[in-house]
Amino acid sequence: MTHLIRLACELPDDARRSLSLWTCAELARTLKRDGVVDSISPQSVQRILESQKLKPWRVHYWLNPKAPRDEAFRAKVLNLCDLYTRPLLPHERVLSLEGGDPAPA
């Protein structure tokens, strides 16, 4: 279990996998490839990760260290942090879509 958790917290490229994100099936294949287990199903991987509250397929690339850290970036980060941490009014909803810039305030 420890090896799976450590692996799930690494980028797939660090484990010699040319993937952008881990899936449970890819984690299972990698564990078998590396000889950590003889057999494990993607469902077992998912149950183990859920028990640790891990979701390696959910990555927040907007906080990538390669992104420019200028004032526009700072404004986006502050806007997102406010949106995710402040109490919402009864009529408000937050929708998050991967790959898009946050809506202007």
PDB file of N, CA and C in Angstrom:
ATOM      1  N   MET A   1       0.823  -1.185   0.000  1.00  0.00           N
ATOM      2  CA  MET A   1       0.000   0.000   0.000  1.00  0.00           C
ATOM      3  C   MET A   1       0.871   1.255   0.000  1.00  0.00           C
ATOM      4  N   THR A   2       1.954   1.254   0.747  1.00  0.00           N
ATOM      5  CA  THR A   2       2.834   2.414   0.819  1.00  0.00           C
ATOM      6  C   THR A   2       3.408   2.748  -0.552  1.00  0.00           C
ATOM      7  N   HIS A   3       3.811   1.721  -1.293  1.00  0.00           N
ATOM      8  CA  HIS A   3       4.379   1.955  -2.623  1.00  0.00           C
ATOM      9  C   HIS A   3       3.338   2.591  -3.547  1.00  0.00           C
ATOM     10  N   LEU A   4       2.099   2.111  -3.474  1.00  0.00           N
ATOM     11  CA  LEU A   4       1.033   2.674  -4.309  1.00  0.00           C
ATOM     12  C   LEU A   4       0.809   4.144  -3.976  1.00  0.00           C
ATOM     13  N   ILE A   5       0.745   4.467  -2.701  1.00  0.00           N
ATOM     14  CA  ILE A   5       0.507   5.851  -2.289  1.00  0.00           C
ATOM     15  C   ILE A   5       1.648   6.750  -2.745  1.00  0.00           C
ATOM     16  N   ARG A   6       2.877   6.284  -2.564  1.00  0.00           N
ATOM     17  CA  ARG A   6       4.031   7.084  -3.014  1.00  0.00           C
ATOM     18  C   ARG A   6       3.988   7.279  -4.525  1.00  0.00           C
ATOM     19  N   LEU A   7       3.683   6.212  -5.254  1.00  0.00           N
ATOM     20  CA  LEU A   7       3.606   6.279  -6.709  1.00  0.00           C
ATOM     21  C   LEU A   7       2.503   7.243  -7.160  1.00  0.00           C
ATOM     22  N   ALA A   8       1.351   7.171  -6.516  1.00  0.00           N
ATOM     23  CA  ALA A   8       0.225   8.029  -6.894  1.00  0.00           C
ATOM     24  C   ALA A   8       0.523   9.501  -6.639  1.00  0.00           C
ATOM     25  N   CYS A   9       1.435   9.782  -5.726  1.00  0.00           N
ATOM     26  CA  CYS A   9       1.788  11.173  -5.419  1.00  0.00           C
ATOM     27  C   CYS A   9       2.898  11.708  -6.313  1.00  0.00           C
ATOM     28  N   GLU A  10       3.463  10.873  -7.167  1.00  0.00           N
ATOM     29  CA  GLU A  10       4.483  11.299  -8.122  1.00  0.00           C
ATOM     30  C   GLU A  10       3.837  11.585  -9.469  1.00  0.00           C
ATOM     31  N   LEU A  11       4.513  12.337 -10.297  1.00  0.00           N
ATOM     32  CA  LEU A  11       4.058  12.509 -11.666  1.00  0.00           C
ATOM     33  C   LEU A  11       4.343  11.226 -12.437  1.00  0.00           C
ATOM     34  N   PRO A  12       3.468  10.820 -13.346  1.00  0.00           N
ATOM     35  CA  PRO A  12       3.702   9.587 -14.103  1.00  0.00           C
ATOM     36  C   PRO A  12       5.045   9.574 -14.830  1.00  0.00           C
ATOM     37  N   ASP A  13       5.474  10.719 -15.319  1.00  0.00           N
ATOM     38  CA  ASP A  13       6.738  10.797 -16.039  1.00  0.00           C
ATOM     39  C   ASP A  13       7.911  10.388 -15.140  1.00  0.00           C
ATOM     40  N   ASP A  14       7.808  10.680 -13.830  1.00  0.00           N
ATOM     41  CA  ASP A  14       8.864  10.295 -12.887  1.00  0.00           C
ATOM     42  C   ASP A  14       8.954   8.779 -12.733  1.00  0.00           C
ATOM     43  N   ALA A  15       7.876   8.077 -13.059  1.00  0.00           N
ATOM     44  CA  ALA A  15       7.854   6.615 -12.968  1.00  0.00           C
ATOM     45  C   ALA A  15       8.025   5.979 -14.350  1.00  0.00           C
ATOM     46  N   ARG A  16       8.613   6.725 -15.266  1.00  0.00           N
ATOM     47  CA  ARG A  16       8.869   6.251 -16.632  1.00  0.00           C
ATOM     48  C   ARG A  16       7.576   5.881 -17.361  1.00  0.00           C
ATOM     49  N   ARG A  17       6.522   6.675 -17.138  1.00  0.00           N
ATOM     50  CA  ARG A  17       5.253   6.498 -17.845  1.00  0.00           C
ATOM     51  C   ARG A  17       4.968   7.786 -18.602  1.00  0.00           C
ATOM     52  N   SER A  18       4.723   7.696 -19.883  1.00  0.00           N
ATOM     53  CA  SER A  18       4.465   8.902 -20.673  1.00  0.00           C
ATOM     54  C   SER A  18       2.978   9.244 -20.624  1.00  0.00           C
ATOM     55  N   LEU A  19       2.555   9.650 -19.446  1.00  0.00           N
ATOM     56  CA  LEU A  19       1.160  10.024 -19.216  1.00  0.00           C
ATOM     57  C   LEU A  19       1.120  11.420 -18.630  1.00  0.00           C
ATOM     58  N   SER A  20       0.007  12.096 -18.818  1.00  0.00           N
ATOM     59  CA  SER A  20      -0.126  13.401 -18.168  1.00  0.00           C
ATOM     60  C   SER A  20      -0.705  13.236 -16.765  1.00  0.00           C
ATOM     61  N   LEU A  21      -1.555  12.227 -16.569  1.00  0.00           N
ATOM     62  CA  LEU A  21      -2.180  11.970 -15.277  1.00  0.00           C
ATOM     63  C   LEU A  21      -2.260  10.468 -15.024  1.00  0.00           C
ATOM     64  N   TRP A  22      -2.258  10.100 -13.758  1.00  0.00           N
ATOM     65  CA  TRP A  22      -2.453   8.704 -13.386  1.00  0.00           C
ATOM     66  C   TRP A  22      -3.931   8.334 -13.482  1.00  0.00           C
ATOM     67  N   THR A  23      -4.182   7.111 -13.887  1.00  0.00           N
ATOM     68  CA  THR A  23      -5.498   6.501 -13.734  1.00  0.00           C
ATOM     69  C   THR A  23      -5.291   5.277 -12.855  1.00  0.00           C
ATOM     70  N   CYS A  24      -6.368   4.738 -12.322  1.00  0.00           N
ATOM     71  CA  CYS A  24      -6.241   3.538 -11.490  1.00  0.00           C
ATOM     72  C   CYS A  24      -5.685   2.371 -12.300  1.00  0.00           C
ATOM     73  N   ALA A  25      -6.102   2.262 -13.552  1.00  0.00           N
ATOM     74  CA  ALA A  25      -5.603   1.177 -14.410  1.00  0.00           C
ATOM     75  C   ALA A  25      -4.098   1.325 -14.648  1.00  0.00           C
ATOM     76  N   GLU A  26      -3.634   2.547 -14.907  1.00  0.00           N
ATOM     77  CA  GLU A  26      -2.201   2.761 -15.139  1.00  0.00           C
ATOM     78  C   GLU A  26      -1.390   2.526 -13.868  1.00  0.00           C
ATOM     79  N   LEU A  27      -1.915   2.912 -12.723  1.00  0.00           N
ATOM     80  CA  LEU A  27      -1.219   2.642 -11.461  1.00  0.00           C
ATOM     81  C   LEU A  27      -1.108   1.138 -11.238  1.00  0.00           C
ATOM     82  N   ALA A  28      -2.184   0.401 -11.507  1.00  0.00           N
ATOM     83  CA  ALA A  28      -2.159  -1.061 -11.351  1.00  0.00           C
ATOM     84  C   ALA A  28      -1.118  -1.682 -12.286  1.00  0.00           C
ATOM     85  N   ARG A  29      -1.103  -1.240 -13.552  1.00  0.00           N
ATOM     86  CA  ARG A  29      -0.122  -1.771 -14.513  1.00  0.00           C
ATOM     87  C   ARG A  29       1.313  -1.467 -14.071  1.00  0.00           C
ATOM     88  N   THR A  30       1.541  -0.275 -13.548  1.00  0.00           N
ATOM     89  CA  THR A  30       2.881   0.116 -13.117  1.00  0.00           C
ATOM     90  C   THR A  30       3.319  -0.693 -11.901  1.00  0.00           C
ATOM     91  N   LEU A  31       2.413  -0.924 -10.967  1.00  0.00           N
ATOM     92  CA  LEU A  31       2.753  -1.759  -9.800  1.00  0.00           C
ATOM     93  C   LEU A  31       3.139  -3.171 -10.238  1.00  0.00           C
ATOM     94  N   LYS A  32       2.409  -3.719 -11.211  1.00  0.00           N
ATOM     95  CA  LYS A  32       2.737  -5.054 -11.729  1.00  0.00           C
ATOM     96  C   LYS A  32       4.059  -5.024 -12.492  1.00  0.00           C
ATOM     97  N   ARG A  33       4.245  -4.031 -13.330  1.00  0.00           N
ATOM     98  CA  ARG A  33       5.474  -3.895 -14.123  1.00  0.00           C
ATOM     99  C   ARG A  33       6.702  -3.825 -13.233  1.00  0.00           C
ATOM    100  N   ASP A  34       6.596  -3.079 -12.117  1.00  0.00           N
ATOM    101  CA  ASP A  34       7.723  -2.902 -11.203  1.00  0.00           C
ATOM    102  C   ASP A  34       7.909  -4.073 -10.244  1.00  0.00           C
ATOM    103  N   GLY A  35       7.037  -5.074 -10.331  1.00  0.00           N
ATOM    104  CA  GLY A  35       7.172  -6.250  -9.477  1.00  0.00           C
ATOM    105  C   GLY A  35       6.754  -6.019  -8.034  1.00  0.00           C
ATOM    106  N   VAL A  36       5.997  -4.964  -7.782  1.00  0.00           N
ATOM    107  CA  VAL A  36       5.529  -4.677  -6.423  1.00  0.00           C
ATOM    108  C   VAL A  36       4.442  -5.672  -6.038  1.00  0.00           C
ATOM    109  N   VAL A  37       3.583  -6.012  -6.992  1.00  0.00           N
ATOM    110  CA  VAL A  37       2.512  -6.985  -6.776  1.00  0.00           C
ATOM    111  C   VAL A  37       2.462  -7.937  -7.963  1.00  0.00           C
ATOM    112  N   ASP A  38       1.933  -9.124  -7.733  1.00  0.00           N
ATOM    113  CA  ASP A  38       1.723 -10.053  -8.840  1.00  0.00           C
ATOM    114  C   ASP A  38       0.471  -9.687  -9.619  1.00  0.00           C
ATOM    115  N   SER A  39      -0.536  -9.228  -8.871  1.00  0.00           N
ATOM    116  CA  SER A  39      -1.801  -8.879  -9.492  1.00  0.00           C
ATOM    117  C   SER A  39      -2.537  -7.870  -8.616  1.00  0.00           C
ATOM    118  N   ILE A  40      -3.156  -6.891  -9.253  1.00  0.00           N
ATOM    119  CA  ILE A  40      -4.003  -5.927  -8.554  1.00  0.00           C
ATOM    120  C   ILE A  40      -4.939  -5.313  -9.585  1.00  0.00           C
ATOM    121  N   SER A  41      -6.185  -5.165  -9.217  1.00  0.00           N
ATOM    122  CA  SER A  41      -7.164  -4.604 -10.141  1.00  0.00           C
ATOM    123  C   SER A  41      -7.229  -3.085  -9.984  1.00  0.00           C
ATOM    124  N   PRO A  42      -7.656  -2.402 -11.044  1.00  0.00           N
ATOM    125  CA  PRO A  42      -7.862  -0.952 -10.929  1.00  0.00           C
ATOM    126  C   PRO A  42      -8.854  -0.600  -9.816  1.00  0.00           C
ATOM    127  N   GLN A  43      -9.839  -1.470  -9.595  1.00  0.00           N
ATOM    128  CA  GLN A  43     -10.818  -1.226  -8.537  1.00  0.00           C
ATOM    129  C   GLN A  43     -10.162  -1.285  -7.159  1.00  0.00           C
ATOM    130  N   SER A  44      -9.222  -2.205  -6.971  1.00  0.00           N
ATOM    131  CA  SER A  44      -8.497  -2.277  -5.699  1.00  0.00           C
ATOM    132  C   SER A  44      -7.634  -1.037  -5.500  1.00  0.00           C
ATOM    133  N   VAL A  45      -6.995  -0.597  -6.567  1.00  0.00           N
ATOM    134  CA  VAL A  45      -6.196   0.632  -6.504  1.00  0.00           C
ATOM    135  C   VAL A  45      -7.092   1.799  -6.092  1.00  0.00           C
ATOM    136  N   GLN A  46      -8.260   1.887  -6.712  1.00  0.00           N
ATOM    137  CA  GLN A  46      -9.173   2.986  -6.396  1.00  0.00           C
ATOM    138  C   GLN A  46      -9.619   2.927  -4.939  1.00  0.00           C
ATOM    139  N   ARG A  47      -9.934   1.748  -4.430  1.00  0.00           N
ATOM    140  CA  ARG A  47     -10.356   1.624  -3.024  1.00  0.00           C
ATOM    141  C   ARG A  47      -9.241   2.038  -2.070  1.00  0.00           C
ATOM    142  N   ILE A  48      -8.016   1.639  -2.373  1.00  0.00           N
ATOM    143  CA  ILE A  48      -6.879   2.003  -1.517  1.00  0.00           C
ATOM    144  C   ILE A  48      -6.675   3.521  -1.534  1.00  0.00           C
ATOM    145  N   LEU A  49      -6.709   4.102  -2.717  1.00  0.00           N
ATOM    146  CA  LEU A  49      -6.517   5.554  -2.819  1.00  0.00           C
ATOM    147  C   LEU A  49      -7.658   6.315  -2.146  1.00  0.00           C
ATOM    148  N   GLU A  50      -8.882   5.832  -2.308  1.00  0.00           N
ATOM    149  CA  GLU A  50     -10.016   6.483  -1.649  1.00  0.00           C
ATOM    150  C   GLU A  50      -9.880   6.438  -0.138  1.00  0.00           C
ATOM    151  N   SER A  51      -9.347   5.325   0.388  1.00  0.00           N
ATOM    152  CA  SER A  51      -9.180   5.217   1.841  1.00  0.00           C
ATOM    153  C   SER A  51      -8.183   6.245   2.367  1.00  0.00           C
ATOM    154  N   GLN A  52      -7.299   6.719   1.493  1.00  0.00           N
ATOM    155  CA  GLN A  52      -6.311   7.736   1.862  1.00  0.00           C
ATOM    156  C   GLN A  52      -6.708   9.129   1.362  1.00  0.00           C
ATOM    157  N   LYS A  53      -7.915   9.218   0.791  1.00  0.00           N
ATOM    158  CA  LYS A  53      -8.424  10.479   0.245  1.00  0.00           C
ATOM    159  C   LYS A  53      -7.500  11.062  -0.836  1.00  0.00           C
ATOM    160  N   LEU A  54      -6.960  10.172  -1.683  1.00  0.00           N
ATOM    161  CA  LEU A  54      -6.083  10.594  -2.781  1.00  0.00           C
ATOM    162  C   LEU A  54      -6.804  10.462  -4.110  1.00  0.00           C
ATOM    163  N   LYS A  55      -6.610  11.447  -4.971  1.00  0.00           N
ATOM    164  CA  LYS A  55      -7.173  11.431  -6.317  1.00  0.00           C
ATOM    165  C   LYS A  55      -6.097  11.938  -7.277  1.00  0.00           C
ATOM    166  N   PRO A  56      -5.139  11.080  -7.651  1.00  0.00           N
ATOM    167  CA  PRO A  56      -4.014  11.552  -8.470  1.00  0.00           C
ATOM    168  C   PRO A  56      -4.413  12.011  -9.866  1.00  0.00           C
ATOM    169  N   TRP A  57      -5.590  11.684 -10.313  1.00  0.00           N
ATOM    170  CA  TRP A  57      -6.026  12.125 -11.629  1.00  0.00           C
ATOM    171  C   TRP A  57      -6.544  13.553 -11.586  1.00  0.00           C
ATOM    172  N   ARG A  58      -6.607  14.158 -10.411  1.00  0.00           N
ATOM    173  CA  ARG A  58      -7.032  15.550 -10.269  1.00  0.00           C
ATOM    174  C   ARG A  58      -5.803  16.396  -9.981  1.00  0.00           C
ATOM    175  N   VAL A  59      -5.356  17.119 -10.984  1.00  0.00           N
ATOM    176  CA  VAL A  59      -4.146  17.923 -10.866  1.00  0.00           C
ATOM    177  C   VAL A  59      -4.505  19.375 -11.134  1.00  0.00           C
ATOM    178  N   HIS A  60      -3.922  20.265 -10.383  1.00  0.00           N
ATOM    179  CA  HIS A  60      -4.186  21.685 -10.536  1.00  0.00           C
ATOM    180  C   HIS A  60      -3.001  22.334 -11.255  1.00  0.00           C
ATOM    181  N   TYR A  61      -3.012  22.279 -12.583  1.00  0.00           N
ATOM    182  CA  TYR A  61      -1.896  22.787 -13.367  1.00  0.00           C
ATOM    183  C   TYR A  61      -1.777  24.301 -13.346  1.00  0.00           C
ATOM    184  N   TRP A  62      -2.826  25.004 -12.962  1.00  0.00           N
ATOM    185  CA  TRP A  62      -2.720  26.462 -12.947  1.00  0.00           C
ATOM    186  C   TRP A  62      -1.678  26.933 -11.953  1.00  0.00           C
ATOM    187  N   LEU A  63      -1.262  26.079 -11.039  1.00  0.00           N
ATOM    188  CA  LEU A  63      -0.238  26.442 -10.074  1.00  0.00           C
ATOM    189  C   LEU A  63       1.109  25.803 -10.450  1.00  0.00           C
ATOM    190  N   ASN A  64       1.309  25.571 -11.723  1.00  0.00           N
ATOM    191  CA  ASN A  64       2.524  24.985 -12.253  1.00  0.00           C
ATOM    192  C   ASN A  64       3.697  25.928 -12.011  1.00  0.00           C
ATOM    193  N   PRO A  65       4.833  25.414 -11.484  1.00  0.00           N
ATOM    194  CA  PRO A  65       5.974  26.301 -11.226  1.00  0.00           C
ATOM    195  C   PRO A  65       6.553  26.931 -12.491  1.00  0.00           C
ATOM    196  N   LYS A  66       6.216  26.412 -13.664  1.00  0.00           N
ATOM    197  CA  LYS A  66       6.730  26.984 -14.908  1.00  0.00           C
ATOM    198  C   LYS A  66       5.901  28.174 -15.386  1.00  0.00           C
ATOM    199  N   ALA A  67       4.736  28.378 -14.766  1.00  0.00           N
ATOM    200  CA  ALA A  67       3.884  29.500 -15.169  1.00  0.00           C
ATOM    201  C   ALA A  67       4.513  30.808 -14.716  1.00  0.00           C
ATOM    202  N   PRO A  68       4.375  31.851 -15.525  1.00  0.00           N
ATOM    203  CA  PRO A  68       4.935  33.144 -15.117  1.00  0.00           C
ATOM    204  C   PRO A  68       4.250  33.644 -13.845  1.00  0.00           C
ATOM    205  N   ARG A  69       5.032  34.189 -12.935  1.00  0.00           N
ATOM    206  CA  ARG A  69       4.502  34.686 -11.662  1.00  0.00           C
ATOM    207  C   ARG A  69       4.407  36.205 -11.687  1.00  0.00           C
ATOM    208  N   ASP A  70       3.655  36.734 -12.644  1.00  0.00           N
ATOM    209  CA  ASP A  70       3.501  38.175 -12.761  1.00  0.00           C
ATOM    210  C   ASP A  70       2.243  38.638 -12.016  1.00  0.00           C
ATOM    211  N   GLU A  71       1.912  39.905 -12.135  1.00  0.00           N
ATOM    212  CA  GLU A  71       0.748  40.455 -11.425  1.00  0.00           C
ATOM    213  C   GLU A  71      -0.558  39.843 -11.918  1.00  0.00           C
ATOM    214  N   ALA A  72      -0.640  39.523 -13.208  1.00  0.00           N
ATOM    215  CA  ALA A  72      -1.866  38.903 -13.729  1.00  0.00           C
ATOM    216  C   ALA A  72      -2.068  37.526 -13.094  1.00  0.00           C
ATOM    217  N   PHE A  73      -0.986  36.765 -12.968  1.00  0.00           N
ATOM    218  CA  PHE A  73      -1.055  35.450 -12.311  1.00  0.00           C
ATOM    219  C   PHE A  73      -1.466  35.610 -10.852  1.00  0.00           C
ATOM    220  N   ARG A  74      -0.863  36.567 -10.165  1.00  0.00           N
ATOM    221  CA  ARG A  74      -1.182  36.800  -8.757  1.00  0.00           C
ATOM    222  C   ARG A  74      -2.659  37.149  -8.592  1.00  0.00           C
ATOM    223  N   ALA A  75      -3.182  37.970  -9.479  1.00  0.00           N
ATOM    224  CA  ALA A  75      -4.592  38.354  -9.413  1.00  0.00           C
ATOM    225  C   ALA A  75      -5.500  37.134  -9.612  1.00  0.00           C
ATOM    226  N   LYS A  76      -5.141  36.249 -10.553  1.00  0.00           N
ATOM    227  CA  LYS A  76      -5.931  35.031 -10.780  1.00  0.00           C
ATOM    228  C   LYS A  76      -5.914  34.136  -9.546  1.00  0.00           C
ATOM    229  N   VAL A  77      -4.738  33.962  -8.950  1.00  0.00           N
ATOM    230  CA  VAL A  77      -4.614  33.109  -7.764  1.00  0.00           C
ATOM    231  C   VAL A  77      -5.458  33.664  -6.622  1.00  0.00           C
ATOM    232  N   LEU A  78      -5.358  34.968  -6.378  1.00  0.00           N
ATOM    233  CA  LEU A  78      -6.138  35.579  -5.297  1.00  0.00           C
ATOM    234  C   LEU A  78      -7.636  35.459  -5.554  1.00  0.00           C
ATOM    235  N   ASN A  79      -8.046  35.633  -6.812  1.00  0.00           N
ATOM    236  CA  ASN A  79      -9.453  35.499  -7.170  1.00  0.00           C
ATOM    237  C   ASN A  79      -9.944  34.069  -6.922  1.00  0.00           C
ATOM    238  N   LEU A  80      -9.157  33.078  -7.337  1.00  0.00           N
ATOM    239  CA  LEU A  80      -9.534  31.674  -7.128  1.00  0.00           C
ATOM    240  C   LEU A  80      -9.563  31.319  -5.647  1.00  0.00           C
ATOM    241  N   CYS A  81      -8.561  31.754  -4.909  1.00  0.00           N
ATOM    242  CA  CYS A  81      -8.520  31.452  -3.467  1.00  0.00           C
ATOM    243  C   CYS A  81      -9.734  32.048  -2.767  1.00  0.00           C
ATOM    244  N   ASP A  82     -10.099  33.264  -3.134  1.00  0.00           N
ATOM    245  CA  ASP A  82     -11.280  33.892  -2.546  1.00  0.00           C
ATOM    246  C   ASP A  82     -12.530  33.089  -2.903  1.00  0.00           C
ATOM    247  N   LEU A  83     -12.638  32.710  -4.159  1.00  0.00           N
ATOM    248  CA  LEU A  83     -13.809  31.974  -4.621  1.00  0.00           C
ATOM    249  C   LEU A  83     -13.960  30.644  -3.890  1.00  0.00           C
ATOM    250  N   TYR A  84     -12.861  29.923  -3.704  1.00  0.00           N
ATOM    251  CA  TYR A  84     -12.916  28.600  -3.083  1.00  0.00           C
ATOM    252  C   TYR A  84     -13.013  28.641  -1.557  1.00  0.00           C
ATOM    253  N   THR A  85     -12.682  29.756  -0.942  1.00  0.00           N
ATOM    254  CA  THR A  85     -12.641  29.777   0.523  1.00  0.00           C
ATOM    255  C   THR A  85     -13.732  30.616   1.172  1.00  0.00           C
ATOM    256  N   ARG A  86     -14.342  31.524   0.439  1.00  0.00           N
ATOM    257  CA  ARG A  86     -15.361  32.361   1.076  1.00  0.00           C
ATOM    258  C   ARG A  86     -16.702  31.627   1.088  1.00  0.00           C
ATOM    259  N   PRO A  87     -17.527  31.908   2.095  1.00  0.00           N
ATOM    260  CA  PRO A  87     -18.873  31.310   2.109  1.00  0.00           C
ATOM    261  C   PRO A  87     -19.682  31.834   0.919  1.00  0.00           C
ATOM    262  N   LEU A  88     -20.362  30.946   0.257  1.00  0.00           N
ATOM    263  CA  LEU A  88     -21.176  31.340  -0.891  1.00  0.00           C
ATOM    264  C   LEU A  88     -22.541  31.824  -0.421  1.00  0.00           C
ATOM    265  N   LEU A  89     -23.081  32.752  -1.162  1.00  0.00           N
ATOM    266  CA  LEU A  89     -24.451  33.190  -0.905  1.00  0.00           C
ATOM    267  C   LEU A  89     -25.404  32.090  -1.385  1.00  0.00           C
ATOM    268  N   PRO A  90     -26.615  32.053  -0.888  1.00  0.00           N
ATOM    269  CA  PRO A  90     -27.540  30.966  -1.261  1.00  0.00           C
ATOM    270  C   PRO A  90     -27.758  30.811  -2.769  1.00  0.00           C
ATOM    271  N   HIS A  91     -27.683  31.897  -3.518  1.00  0.00           N
ATOM    272  CA  HIS A  91     -27.929  31.830  -4.965  1.00  0.00           C
ATOM    273  C   HIS A  91     -26.652  31.560  -5.776  1.00  0.00           C
ATOM    274  N   GLU A  92     -25.488  31.457  -5.127  1.00  0.00           N
ATOM    275  CA  GLU A  92     -24.218  31.271  -5.842  1.00  0.00           C
ATOM    276  C   GLU A  92     -23.850  29.797  -5.963  1.00  0.00           C
ATOM    277  N   ARG A  93     -23.170  29.465  -7.045  1.00  0.00           N
ATOM    278  CA  ARG A  93     -22.621  28.130  -7.282  1.00  0.00           C
ATOM    279  C   ARG A  93     -21.224  28.300  -7.864  1.00  0.00           C
ATOM    280  N   VAL A  94     -20.345  27.349  -7.601  1.00  0.00           N
ATOM    281  CA  VAL A  94     -19.002  27.366  -8.176  1.00  0.00           C
ATOM    282  C   VAL A  94     -18.877  26.163  -9.103  1.00  0.00           C
ATOM    283  N   LEU A  95     -18.526  26.431 -10.341  1.00  0.00           N
ATOM    284  CA  LEU A  95     -18.268  25.374 -11.324  1.00  0.00           C
ATOM    285  C   LEU A  95     -16.813  25.493 -11.724  1.00  0.00           C
ATOM    286  N   SER A  96     -16.115  24.365 -11.765  1.00  0.00           N
ATOM    287  CA  SER A  96     -14.713  24.367 -12.151  1.00  0.00           C
ATOM    288  C   SER A  96     -14.532  23.537 -13.392  1.00  0.00           C
ATOM    289  N   LEU A  97     -13.941  24.119 -14.418  1.00  0.00           N
ATOM    290  CA  LEU A  97     -13.687  23.431 -15.683  1.00  0.00           C
ATOM    291  C   LEU A  97     -12.198  23.371 -15.925  1.00  0.00           C
ATOM    292  N   GLU A  98     -11.688  22.188 -16.226  1.00  0.00           N
ATOM    293  CA  GLU A  98     -10.262  22.038 -16.465  1.00  0.00           C
ATOM    294  C   GLU A  98      -9.881  22.697 -17.777  1.00  0.00           C
ATOM    295  N   GLY A  99      -8.731  23.348 -17.752  1.00  0.00           N
ATOM    296  CA  GLY A  99      -8.164  23.877 -18.978  1.00  0.00           C
ATOM    297  C   GLY A  99      -8.527  25.308 -19.282  1.00  0.00           C
ATOM    298  N   GLY A 100      -9.445  25.880 -18.559  1.00  0.00           N
ATOM    299  CA  GLY A 100      -9.832  27.258 -18.861  1.00  0.00           C
ATOM    300  C   GLY A 100      -9.299  28.220 -17.829  1.00  0.00           C
ATOM    301  N   ASP A 101      -9.164  29.460 -18.225  1.00  0.00           N
ATOM    302  CA  ASP A 101      -8.784  30.502 -17.286  1.00  0.00           C
ATOM    303  C   ASP A 101      -9.991  30.846 -16.434  1.00  0.00           C
ATOM    304  N   PRO A 102      -9.771  31.281 -15.219  1.00  0.00           N
ATOM    305  CA  PRO A 102     -10.911  31.699 -14.403  1.00  0.00           C
ATOM    306  C   PRO A 102     -11.601  32.897 -15.026  1.00  0.00           C
ATOM    307  N   ALA A 103     -12.893  32.980 -14.809  1.00  0.00           N
ATOM    308  CA  ALA A 103     -13.664  34.101 -15.339  1.00  0.00           C
ATOM    309  C   ALA A 103     -13.214  35.394 -14.672  1.00  0.00           C
ATOM    310  N   PRO A 104     -13.217  36.487 -15.411  1.00  0.00           N
ATOM    311  CA  PRO A 104     -12.823  37.755 -14.795  1.00  0.00           C
ATOM    312  C   PRO A 104     -13.804  38.127 -13.696  1.00  0.00           C
ATOM    313  N   ALA A 105     -13.274  38.802 -12.686  1.00  0.00           N
ATOM    314  CA  ALA A 105     -14.110  39.194 -11.546  1.00  0.00           C
ATOM    315  C   ALA A 105     -15.007  40.350 -11.905  1.00  0.00           C
TER     316      ALA A 105
END
